[in-house]
N, C-alpha and C. Protein backbone atom coordinates (compact mmCIF):
# COMPACT_ATOMS: atom_id res chain seq x y z
N UNK A 1 -37.85 -49.79 138.77
CA UNK A 1 -38.81 -48.71 138.66
C UNK A 1 -38.12 -47.39 138.98
N UNK A 2 -38.31 -46.42 138.10
CA UNK A 2 -37.82 -45.08 138.41
C UNK A 2 -38.97 -44.33 139.05
N UNK A 3 -38.79 -43.91 140.28
CA UNK A 3 -39.83 -43.21 141.03
C UNK A 3 -39.69 -41.70 140.84
N UNK A 4 -40.80 -41.05 140.55
CA UNK A 4 -40.78 -39.61 140.33
C UNK A 4 -40.33 -39.26 138.93
N UNK A 5 -40.67 -40.09 137.96
CA UNK A 5 -40.22 -39.90 136.58
C UNK A 5 -41.40 -39.59 135.67
N UNK A 6 -41.67 -38.30 135.43
CA UNK A 6 -42.78 -37.97 134.53
C UNK A 6 -42.43 -38.15 133.05
N UNK A 7 -41.16 -38.46 132.77
CA UNK A 7 -40.75 -38.72 131.38
C UNK A 7 -39.71 -39.83 131.38
N UNK A 8 -39.24 -40.19 130.20
CA UNK A 8 -38.34 -41.34 130.06
C UNK A 8 -36.89 -40.92 129.81
N UNK A 9 -36.46 -39.81 130.36
CA UNK A 9 -35.11 -39.29 130.10
C UNK A 9 -34.02 -40.31 130.42
N UNK A 10 -34.04 -40.91 131.60
CA UNK A 10 -32.98 -41.82 132.01
C UNK A 10 -33.12 -43.22 131.39
N UNK A 11 -34.29 -43.52 130.88
CA UNK A 11 -34.54 -44.84 130.30
C UNK A 11 -33.61 -45.13 129.11
N UNK A 12 -33.21 -44.07 128.41
CA UNK A 12 -32.35 -44.27 127.23
C UNK A 12 -30.95 -44.78 127.61
N UNK A 13 -30.59 -44.71 128.89
CA UNK A 13 -29.28 -45.18 129.33
C UNK A 13 -29.29 -46.64 129.77
N UNK A 14 -30.45 -47.27 129.74
CA UNK A 14 -30.61 -48.64 130.20
C UNK A 14 -30.35 -49.61 129.05
N UNK A 15 -29.64 -50.70 129.29
CA UNK A 15 -29.37 -51.67 128.21
C UNK A 15 -30.66 -52.24 127.62
N UNK A 16 -30.63 -52.55 126.34
CA UNK A 16 -31.78 -53.17 125.68
C UNK A 16 -32.17 -54.45 126.43
N UNK A 17 -33.45 -54.65 126.59
CA UNK A 17 -33.95 -55.85 127.26
C UNK A 17 -34.09 -55.70 128.76
N UNK A 18 -33.50 -54.66 129.35
CA UNK A 18 -33.61 -54.42 130.80
C UNK A 18 -34.98 -53.83 131.10
N UNK A 19 -35.69 -54.44 132.02
CA UNK A 19 -36.99 -53.90 132.43
C UNK A 19 -36.76 -52.58 133.15
N UNK A 20 -37.45 -51.54 132.73
CA UNK A 20 -37.29 -50.21 133.32
C UNK A 20 -38.61 -49.48 133.14
N UNK A 21 -39.26 -49.16 134.23
CA UNK A 21 -40.57 -48.51 134.16
C UNK A 21 -40.50 -47.15 134.84
N UNK A 22 -40.93 -46.13 134.11
CA UNK A 22 -40.96 -44.76 134.64
C UNK A 22 -42.29 -44.56 135.35
N UNK A 23 -42.22 -44.23 136.63
CA UNK A 23 -43.42 -44.13 137.45
C UNK A 23 -43.49 -42.78 138.15
N UNK A 24 -44.69 -42.22 138.23
CA UNK A 24 -44.89 -40.92 138.84
C UNK A 24 -46.38 -40.72 139.07
N UNK A 25 -46.73 -39.62 139.72
CA UNK A 25 -48.14 -39.26 139.89
C UNK A 25 -48.62 -38.40 138.73
N UNK A 26 -47.78 -38.20 137.75
CA UNK A 26 -48.10 -37.41 136.57
C UNK A 26 -48.78 -38.28 135.51
N UNK A 27 -49.65 -37.68 134.75
CA UNK A 27 -50.31 -38.42 133.67
C UNK A 27 -49.34 -38.71 132.53
N UNK A 28 -48.19 -38.06 132.52
CA UNK A 28 -47.18 -38.28 131.47
C UNK A 28 -46.34 -39.52 131.74
N UNK A 29 -46.39 -40.04 132.95
CA UNK A 29 -45.55 -41.20 133.31
C UNK A 29 -46.08 -42.48 132.68
N UNK A 30 -45.19 -43.42 132.52
CA UNK A 30 -45.53 -44.72 131.97
C UNK A 30 -46.49 -45.49 132.90
N UNK A 31 -46.29 -45.31 134.23
CA UNK A 31 -47.12 -45.99 135.23
C UNK A 31 -47.40 -45.02 136.37
N UNK A 32 -48.65 -44.96 136.80
CA UNK A 32 -49.02 -44.10 137.92
C UNK A 32 -48.65 -44.80 139.22
N UNK A 33 -47.75 -44.21 139.98
CA UNK A 33 -47.38 -44.73 141.30
C UNK A 33 -47.20 -43.56 142.26
N UNK A 34 -47.92 -43.63 143.36
CA UNK A 34 -47.75 -42.69 144.46
C UNK A 34 -46.67 -43.31 145.36
N UNK A 35 -45.56 -42.61 145.51
CA UNK A 35 -44.44 -43.16 146.29
C UNK A 35 -44.82 -43.46 147.73
N UNK A 36 -45.86 -42.83 148.26
CA UNK A 36 -46.25 -43.05 149.65
C UNK A 36 -47.24 -44.21 149.81
N UNK A 37 -47.68 -44.79 148.71
CA UNK A 37 -48.64 -45.89 148.76
C UNK A 37 -48.46 -46.74 147.50
N UNK A 38 -47.38 -47.51 147.47
CA UNK A 38 -47.04 -48.25 146.25
C UNK A 38 -47.84 -49.55 146.14
N UNK A 39 -48.19 -49.91 144.90
CA UNK A 39 -49.06 -51.07 144.67
C UNK A 39 -48.33 -52.41 144.60
N UNK A 40 -47.19 -52.52 145.25
CA UNK A 40 -46.39 -53.74 145.17
C UNK A 40 -46.50 -54.54 146.47
N UNK A 41 -46.33 -55.85 146.32
CA UNK A 41 -46.29 -56.74 147.48
C UNK A 41 -44.98 -56.50 148.25
N UNK A 42 -44.96 -56.90 149.51
CA UNK A 42 -43.73 -56.84 150.29
C UNK A 42 -42.63 -57.65 149.60
N UNK A 43 -41.40 -57.17 149.64
CA UNK A 43 -40.24 -57.90 149.13
C UNK A 43 -40.43 -58.37 147.68
N UNK A 44 -40.94 -57.49 146.82
CA UNK A 44 -41.25 -57.93 145.46
C UNK A 44 -40.52 -57.18 144.34
N UNK A 45 -39.80 -56.11 144.66
CA UNK A 45 -39.17 -55.29 143.62
C UNK A 45 -37.65 -55.42 143.71
N UNK A 46 -37.02 -55.61 142.56
CA UNK A 46 -35.56 -55.75 142.50
C UNK A 46 -34.84 -54.44 142.77
N UNK A 47 -35.34 -53.34 142.18
CA UNK A 47 -34.60 -52.09 142.31
C UNK A 47 -35.51 -50.88 142.06
N UNK A 48 -35.17 -49.80 142.77
CA UNK A 48 -35.80 -48.50 142.54
C UNK A 48 -34.69 -47.50 142.23
N UNK A 49 -35.05 -46.50 141.47
CA UNK A 49 -34.16 -45.42 141.08
C UNK A 49 -34.97 -44.14 141.22
N UNK A 50 -34.41 -43.14 141.87
CA UNK A 50 -35.14 -41.88 142.04
C UNK A 50 -34.15 -40.72 141.95
N UNK A 51 -34.40 -39.82 141.02
CA UNK A 51 -33.51 -38.69 140.76
C UNK A 51 -34.26 -37.39 141.02
N UNK A 52 -33.85 -36.68 142.06
CA UNK A 52 -34.42 -35.37 142.40
C UNK A 52 -35.94 -35.39 142.40
N UNK A 53 -36.50 -36.36 143.10
CA UNK A 53 -37.96 -36.46 143.23
C UNK A 53 -38.40 -36.46 144.69
N UNK A 54 -37.59 -37.04 145.58
CA UNK A 54 -38.01 -37.20 146.97
C UNK A 54 -38.28 -35.86 147.66
N UNK A 55 -37.57 -34.82 147.28
CA UNK A 55 -37.79 -33.50 147.89
C UNK A 55 -39.16 -32.92 147.53
N UNK A 56 -39.82 -33.51 146.55
CA UNK A 56 -41.16 -33.06 146.14
C UNK A 56 -42.27 -33.85 146.83
N UNK A 57 -41.90 -34.79 147.69
CA UNK A 57 -42.87 -35.62 148.39
C UNK A 57 -42.95 -35.14 149.84
N UNK A 58 -44.09 -34.58 150.23
CA UNK A 58 -44.23 -34.06 151.58
C UNK A 58 -44.02 -35.16 152.62
N UNK A 59 -44.63 -36.31 152.39
CA UNK A 59 -44.51 -37.44 153.32
C UNK A 59 -43.36 -38.34 152.86
N UNK A 60 -42.16 -37.76 152.76
CA UNK A 60 -41.01 -38.50 152.22
C UNK A 60 -40.63 -39.69 153.10
N UNK A 61 -40.86 -39.61 154.41
CA UNK A 61 -40.55 -40.76 155.28
C UNK A 61 -41.45 -41.95 154.93
N UNK A 62 -42.69 -41.67 154.63
CA UNK A 62 -43.62 -42.73 154.21
C UNK A 62 -43.17 -43.31 152.87
N UNK A 63 -42.70 -42.45 151.96
CA UNK A 63 -42.20 -42.94 150.67
C UNK A 63 -41.00 -43.86 150.87
N UNK A 64 -40.07 -43.47 151.72
CA UNK A 64 -38.91 -44.32 151.98
C UNK A 64 -39.32 -45.63 152.64
N UNK A 65 -40.31 -45.56 153.52
CA UNK A 65 -40.82 -46.77 154.16
C UNK A 65 -41.41 -47.73 153.12
N UNK A 66 -42.10 -47.17 152.14
CA UNK A 66 -42.68 -47.99 151.06
C UNK A 66 -41.59 -48.62 150.20
N UNK A 67 -40.54 -47.87 149.93
CA UNK A 67 -39.41 -48.42 149.17
C UNK A 67 -38.82 -49.60 149.93
N UNK A 68 -38.56 -49.42 151.20
CA UNK A 68 -37.95 -50.49 152.01
C UNK A 68 -38.89 -51.69 152.15
N UNK A 69 -40.18 -51.43 152.23
CA UNK A 69 -41.16 -52.51 152.36
C UNK A 69 -41.20 -53.37 151.11
N UNK A 70 -41.11 -52.74 149.95
CA UNK A 70 -41.33 -53.46 148.70
C UNK A 70 -40.06 -54.01 148.06
N UNK A 71 -38.88 -53.53 148.49
CA UNK A 71 -37.63 -54.06 147.94
C UNK A 71 -37.41 -55.51 148.37
N UNK A 72 -36.94 -56.31 147.42
CA UNK A 72 -36.56 -57.69 147.75
C UNK A 72 -35.33 -57.67 148.63
N UNK A 73 -35.11 -58.71 149.43
CA UNK A 73 -33.85 -58.79 150.17
C UNK A 73 -32.69 -58.72 149.17
N UNK A 74 -31.73 -57.85 149.42
CA UNK A 74 -30.63 -57.65 148.49
C UNK A 74 -30.96 -56.70 147.36
N UNK A 75 -32.19 -56.14 147.38
CA UNK A 75 -32.59 -55.19 146.34
C UNK A 75 -31.79 -53.90 146.44
N UNK A 76 -31.85 -53.10 145.41
CA UNK A 76 -31.07 -51.86 145.34
C UNK A 76 -31.98 -50.64 145.23
N UNK A 77 -31.52 -49.56 145.83
CA UNK A 77 -32.22 -48.27 145.74
C UNK A 77 -31.19 -47.20 145.45
N UNK A 78 -31.21 -46.66 144.25
CA UNK A 78 -30.30 -45.58 143.86
C UNK A 78 -31.07 -44.28 143.99
N UNK A 79 -30.60 -43.41 144.88
CA UNK A 79 -31.32 -42.19 145.21
C UNK A 79 -30.43 -40.97 145.02
N UNK A 80 -30.94 -39.98 144.32
CA UNK A 80 -30.30 -38.68 144.20
C UNK A 80 -31.24 -37.65 144.80
N UNK A 81 -30.74 -36.86 145.75
CA UNK A 81 -31.53 -35.78 146.34
C UNK A 81 -30.67 -34.53 146.41
N UNK A 82 -31.29 -33.37 146.27
CA UNK A 82 -30.50 -32.13 146.32
C UNK A 82 -30.21 -31.68 147.74
N UNK A 83 -29.15 -30.92 147.88
CA UNK A 83 -28.88 -30.24 149.13
C UNK A 83 -28.71 -28.76 148.85
N UNK A 84 -27.64 -28.39 148.18
CA UNK A 84 -27.43 -26.99 147.81
C UNK A 84 -28.06 -26.78 146.45
N UNK A 85 -29.32 -26.48 146.44
CA UNK A 85 -30.07 -26.34 145.20
C UNK A 85 -31.19 -25.34 145.43
N UNK A 86 -31.44 -24.53 144.45
CA UNK A 86 -32.51 -23.55 144.58
C UNK A 86 -33.88 -24.22 144.63
N UNK A 87 -34.87 -23.48 145.06
CA UNK A 87 -36.25 -23.97 145.07
C UNK A 87 -36.64 -24.31 143.64
N UNK A 88 -37.16 -25.49 143.44
CA UNK A 88 -37.60 -25.89 142.10
C UNK A 88 -38.94 -26.62 142.22
N UNK A 89 -39.96 -25.85 142.51
CA UNK A 89 -41.29 -26.40 142.67
C UNK A 89 -41.81 -27.01 141.39
N UNK A 90 -42.35 -28.19 141.49
CA UNK A 90 -42.94 -28.87 140.34
C UNK A 90 -44.02 -29.83 140.82
N UNK A 91 -45.07 -29.44 141.46
CA UNK A 91 -45.44 -28.07 141.79
C UNK A 91 -44.87 -27.58 143.11
N UNK A 92 -44.41 -28.48 143.98
CA UNK A 92 -43.90 -28.06 145.28
C UNK A 92 -42.51 -28.65 145.52
N UNK A 93 -41.80 -28.04 146.45
CA UNK A 93 -40.44 -28.46 146.80
C UNK A 93 -40.35 -28.31 148.32
N UNK A 94 -40.28 -29.42 149.05
CA UNK A 94 -40.47 -29.39 150.49
C UNK A 94 -39.22 -29.45 151.36
N UNK A 95 -38.19 -30.19 150.96
CA UNK A 95 -37.13 -30.51 151.92
C UNK A 95 -35.77 -30.69 151.24
N UNK A 96 -34.70 -30.45 152.01
CA UNK A 96 -33.34 -30.74 151.59
C UNK A 96 -32.75 -31.75 152.57
N UNK A 97 -31.87 -32.59 152.08
CA UNK A 97 -31.31 -33.67 152.88
C UNK A 97 -29.80 -33.49 153.03
N UNK A 98 -29.33 -33.47 154.27
CA UNK A 98 -27.89 -33.47 154.51
C UNK A 98 -27.40 -34.92 154.49
N UNK A 99 -26.12 -35.08 154.32
CA UNK A 99 -25.54 -36.43 154.33
C UNK A 99 -25.81 -37.13 155.66
N UNK A 100 -25.63 -36.41 156.77
CA UNK A 100 -25.84 -37.03 158.08
C UNK A 100 -27.30 -37.41 158.29
N UNK A 101 -28.23 -36.61 157.74
CA UNK A 101 -29.64 -36.95 157.88
C UNK A 101 -29.97 -38.19 157.06
N UNK A 102 -29.41 -38.31 155.86
CA UNK A 102 -29.64 -39.50 155.05
C UNK A 102 -29.08 -40.74 155.73
N UNK A 103 -27.91 -40.60 156.36
CA UNK A 103 -27.33 -41.73 157.08
C UNK A 103 -28.25 -42.20 158.20
N UNK A 104 -28.88 -41.25 158.90
CA UNK A 104 -29.84 -41.61 159.96
C UNK A 104 -31.09 -42.26 159.37
N UNK A 105 -31.59 -41.69 158.27
CA UNK A 105 -32.79 -42.25 157.63
C UNK A 105 -32.59 -43.70 157.20
N UNK A 106 -31.37 -44.01 156.74
CA UNK A 106 -31.09 -45.35 156.23
C UNK A 106 -30.30 -46.20 157.23
N UNK A 107 -30.31 -45.81 158.49
CA UNK A 107 -29.63 -46.56 159.53
C UNK A 107 -30.12 -48.01 159.53
N UNK A 108 -29.18 -48.92 159.58
CA UNK A 108 -29.55 -50.33 159.56
C UNK A 108 -29.56 -50.92 158.16
N UNK A 109 -29.50 -50.08 157.15
CA UNK A 109 -29.46 -50.54 155.77
C UNK A 109 -28.00 -50.63 155.33
N UNK A 110 -27.73 -51.45 154.36
CA UNK A 110 -26.39 -51.56 153.81
C UNK A 110 -26.24 -50.50 152.72
N UNK A 111 -25.40 -49.50 152.98
CA UNK A 111 -25.18 -48.43 152.02
C UNK A 111 -23.88 -48.73 151.27
N UNK A 112 -24.00 -48.93 149.97
CA UNK A 112 -22.82 -49.27 149.17
C UNK A 112 -21.97 -48.04 148.89
N UNK A 113 -22.63 -46.89 148.71
CA UNK A 113 -21.89 -45.67 148.41
C UNK A 113 -22.77 -44.47 148.74
N UNK A 114 -22.18 -43.49 149.36
CA UNK A 114 -22.85 -42.21 149.61
C UNK A 114 -21.87 -41.13 149.17
N UNK A 115 -22.29 -40.32 148.24
CA UNK A 115 -21.37 -39.35 147.67
C UNK A 115 -22.08 -38.05 147.33
N UNK A 116 -21.37 -36.96 147.52
CA UNK A 116 -21.88 -35.67 147.09
C UNK A 116 -21.53 -35.47 145.62
N UNK A 117 -22.38 -34.77 144.93
CA UNK A 117 -22.16 -34.46 143.53
C UNK A 117 -22.21 -32.95 143.38
N UNK A 118 -21.19 -32.38 142.79
CA UNK A 118 -21.20 -30.95 142.51
C UNK A 118 -20.55 -30.11 143.58
N UNK A 119 -20.69 -28.80 143.40
CA UNK A 119 -20.14 -27.81 144.31
C UNK A 119 -20.93 -26.51 144.14
N UNK A 120 -20.47 -25.43 144.75
CA UNK A 120 -21.19 -24.17 144.65
C UNK A 120 -21.30 -23.67 143.22
N UNK A 121 -20.25 -23.89 142.43
CA UNK A 121 -20.28 -23.42 141.04
C UNK A 121 -21.38 -24.12 140.25
N UNK A 122 -21.55 -25.41 140.47
CA UNK A 122 -22.62 -26.11 139.76
C UNK A 122 -23.99 -25.66 140.26
N UNK A 123 -24.08 -25.34 141.54
CA UNK A 123 -25.33 -24.82 142.08
C UNK A 123 -25.69 -23.50 141.39
N UNK A 124 -24.72 -22.62 141.27
CA UNK A 124 -24.94 -21.34 140.60
C UNK A 124 -25.31 -21.57 139.14
N UNK A 125 -24.61 -22.48 138.48
CA UNK A 125 -24.93 -22.78 137.08
C UNK A 125 -26.36 -23.28 136.95
N UNK A 126 -26.78 -24.14 137.88
CA UNK A 126 -28.14 -24.67 137.84
C UNK A 126 -29.17 -23.55 138.00
N UNK A 127 -28.84 -22.56 138.81
CA UNK A 127 -29.77 -21.43 139.01
C UNK A 127 -29.98 -20.67 137.71
N UNK A 128 -28.99 -20.68 136.84
CA UNK A 128 -29.10 -19.95 135.58
C UNK A 128 -29.53 -20.85 134.42
N UNK A 129 -29.69 -22.12 134.70
CA UNK A 129 -30.17 -23.05 133.67
C UNK A 129 -31.69 -22.98 133.67
N UNK A 130 -32.23 -22.43 132.61
CA UNK A 130 -33.68 -22.18 132.57
C UNK A 130 -34.45 -23.45 132.23
N UNK A 131 -35.53 -23.63 132.93
CA UNK A 131 -36.42 -24.75 132.67
C UNK A 131 -37.81 -24.19 132.43
N UNK A 132 -38.58 -24.79 131.54
CA UNK A 132 -39.90 -24.26 131.20
C UNK A 132 -40.82 -24.05 132.39
N UNK A 133 -40.80 -24.98 133.38
CA UNK A 133 -41.75 -24.86 134.49
C UNK A 133 -41.43 -23.71 135.44
N UNK A 134 -40.25 -23.08 135.30
CA UNK A 134 -39.93 -21.97 136.19
C UNK A 134 -40.55 -20.67 135.73
N UNK A 135 -41.13 -20.65 134.52
CA UNK A 135 -41.82 -19.46 134.03
C UNK A 135 -40.89 -18.31 133.69
N UNK A 136 -39.69 -18.60 133.19
CA UNK A 136 -38.71 -17.56 132.86
C UNK A 136 -39.25 -16.66 131.74
N UNK A 137 -39.12 -15.36 131.95
CA UNK A 137 -39.62 -14.40 130.95
C UNK A 137 -38.56 -13.39 130.54
N UNK A 138 -37.28 -13.74 130.69
CA UNK A 138 -36.21 -12.82 130.31
C UNK A 138 -36.10 -12.71 128.79
N UNK A 139 -35.50 -11.62 128.34
CA UNK A 139 -35.28 -11.43 126.91
C UNK A 139 -34.28 -12.47 126.41
N UNK A 140 -34.24 -12.66 125.09
CA UNK A 140 -33.31 -13.66 124.55
C UNK A 140 -31.86 -13.27 124.82
N UNK A 141 -31.56 -11.98 124.92
CA UNK A 141 -30.19 -11.53 125.22
C UNK A 141 -29.82 -11.84 126.68
N UNK A 142 -30.75 -11.63 127.58
CA UNK A 142 -30.50 -11.95 128.99
C UNK A 142 -30.31 -13.46 129.15
N UNK A 143 -31.15 -14.26 128.46
CA UNK A 143 -31.01 -15.72 128.53
C UNK A 143 -29.65 -16.16 128.00
N UNK A 144 -29.19 -15.54 126.91
CA UNK A 144 -27.89 -15.86 126.35
C UNK A 144 -26.78 -15.54 127.35
N UNK A 145 -26.87 -14.39 128.00
CA UNK A 145 -25.89 -14.01 129.01
C UNK A 145 -25.89 -15.01 130.17
N UNK A 146 -27.08 -15.39 130.63
CA UNK A 146 -27.19 -16.37 131.71
C UNK A 146 -26.55 -17.70 131.30
N UNK A 147 -26.76 -18.11 130.06
CA UNK A 147 -26.22 -19.39 129.59
C UNK A 147 -24.70 -19.34 129.54
N UNK A 148 -24.14 -18.22 129.11
CA UNK A 148 -22.68 -18.08 129.10
C UNK A 148 -22.13 -18.17 130.52
N UNK A 149 -22.81 -17.51 131.46
CA UNK A 149 -22.38 -17.55 132.86
C UNK A 149 -22.47 -18.98 133.40
N UNK A 150 -23.57 -19.66 133.10
CA UNK A 150 -23.74 -21.05 133.56
C UNK A 150 -22.65 -21.94 132.95
N UNK A 151 -22.33 -21.73 131.68
CA UNK A 151 -21.28 -22.52 131.02
C UNK A 151 -19.93 -22.29 131.70
N UNK A 152 -19.66 -21.05 132.10
CA UNK A 152 -18.41 -20.75 132.80
C UNK A 152 -18.36 -21.48 134.14
N UNK A 153 -19.48 -21.52 134.85
CA UNK A 153 -19.53 -22.22 136.15
C UNK A 153 -19.30 -23.71 135.97
N UNK A 154 -19.94 -24.31 134.97
CA UNK A 154 -19.76 -25.73 134.71
C UNK A 154 -18.32 -26.01 134.31
N UNK A 155 -17.75 -25.15 133.47
CA UNK A 155 -16.36 -25.32 133.05
C UNK A 155 -15.41 -25.27 134.25
N UNK A 156 -15.67 -24.35 135.18
CA UNK A 156 -14.83 -24.25 136.38
C UNK A 156 -14.93 -25.53 137.20
N UNK A 157 -16.13 -26.09 137.31
CA UNK A 157 -16.32 -27.34 138.05
C UNK A 157 -15.55 -28.48 137.38
N UNK A 158 -15.69 -28.60 136.07
CA UNK A 158 -15.01 -29.67 135.33
C UNK A 158 -13.50 -29.51 135.46
N UNK A 159 -12.99 -28.28 135.33
CA UNK A 159 -11.56 -28.04 135.45
C UNK A 159 -11.05 -28.45 136.83
N UNK A 160 -11.77 -28.03 137.86
CA UNK A 160 -11.34 -28.35 139.23
C UNK A 160 -11.40 -29.85 139.47
N UNK A 161 -12.43 -30.51 138.97
CA UNK A 161 -12.57 -31.96 139.15
C UNK A 161 -11.47 -32.72 138.46
N UNK A 162 -11.02 -32.22 137.32
CA UNK A 162 -9.98 -32.91 136.57
C UNK A 162 -8.61 -32.76 137.22
N UNK A 163 -8.48 -31.84 138.16
CA UNK A 163 -7.19 -31.60 138.82
C UNK A 163 -6.95 -32.53 140.01
N UNK A 164 -7.93 -33.32 140.38
CA UNK A 164 -7.80 -34.21 141.54
C UNK A 164 -7.02 -35.46 141.21
């Protein structure tokens, strides 16, 4: 189950035949699921996936508790959360997570991998990447300029990453 998925963007990356359900509190989602009160039995779900959704849940500790309650023993939870990221209300944006805070939140759990993604340049690029829900009203020339700047930031990140 992908938690906090109002659309099926990531579903296209899943192999044919793999069960993958997009769940959210949005009417656009495949299945309505409130992360703080999930309709699953204890130890009944193989895996959860959540990409930049937990920061939009005010009671995020309750959501994490529900994930842990419903995961089968040996189940997997792939979580992406922002840290250095601008406010992106959809409709609200409540919290940022540091690596040390996530380690405390998941204390006692087996963490296979914890990794940061990106750098300041990608953060700046993201700030200039326009999304419809942000209500951008710049002229088409300003948007073009912003996109060129964002492309330069992404290029700098890719160049630096390839040098490692």
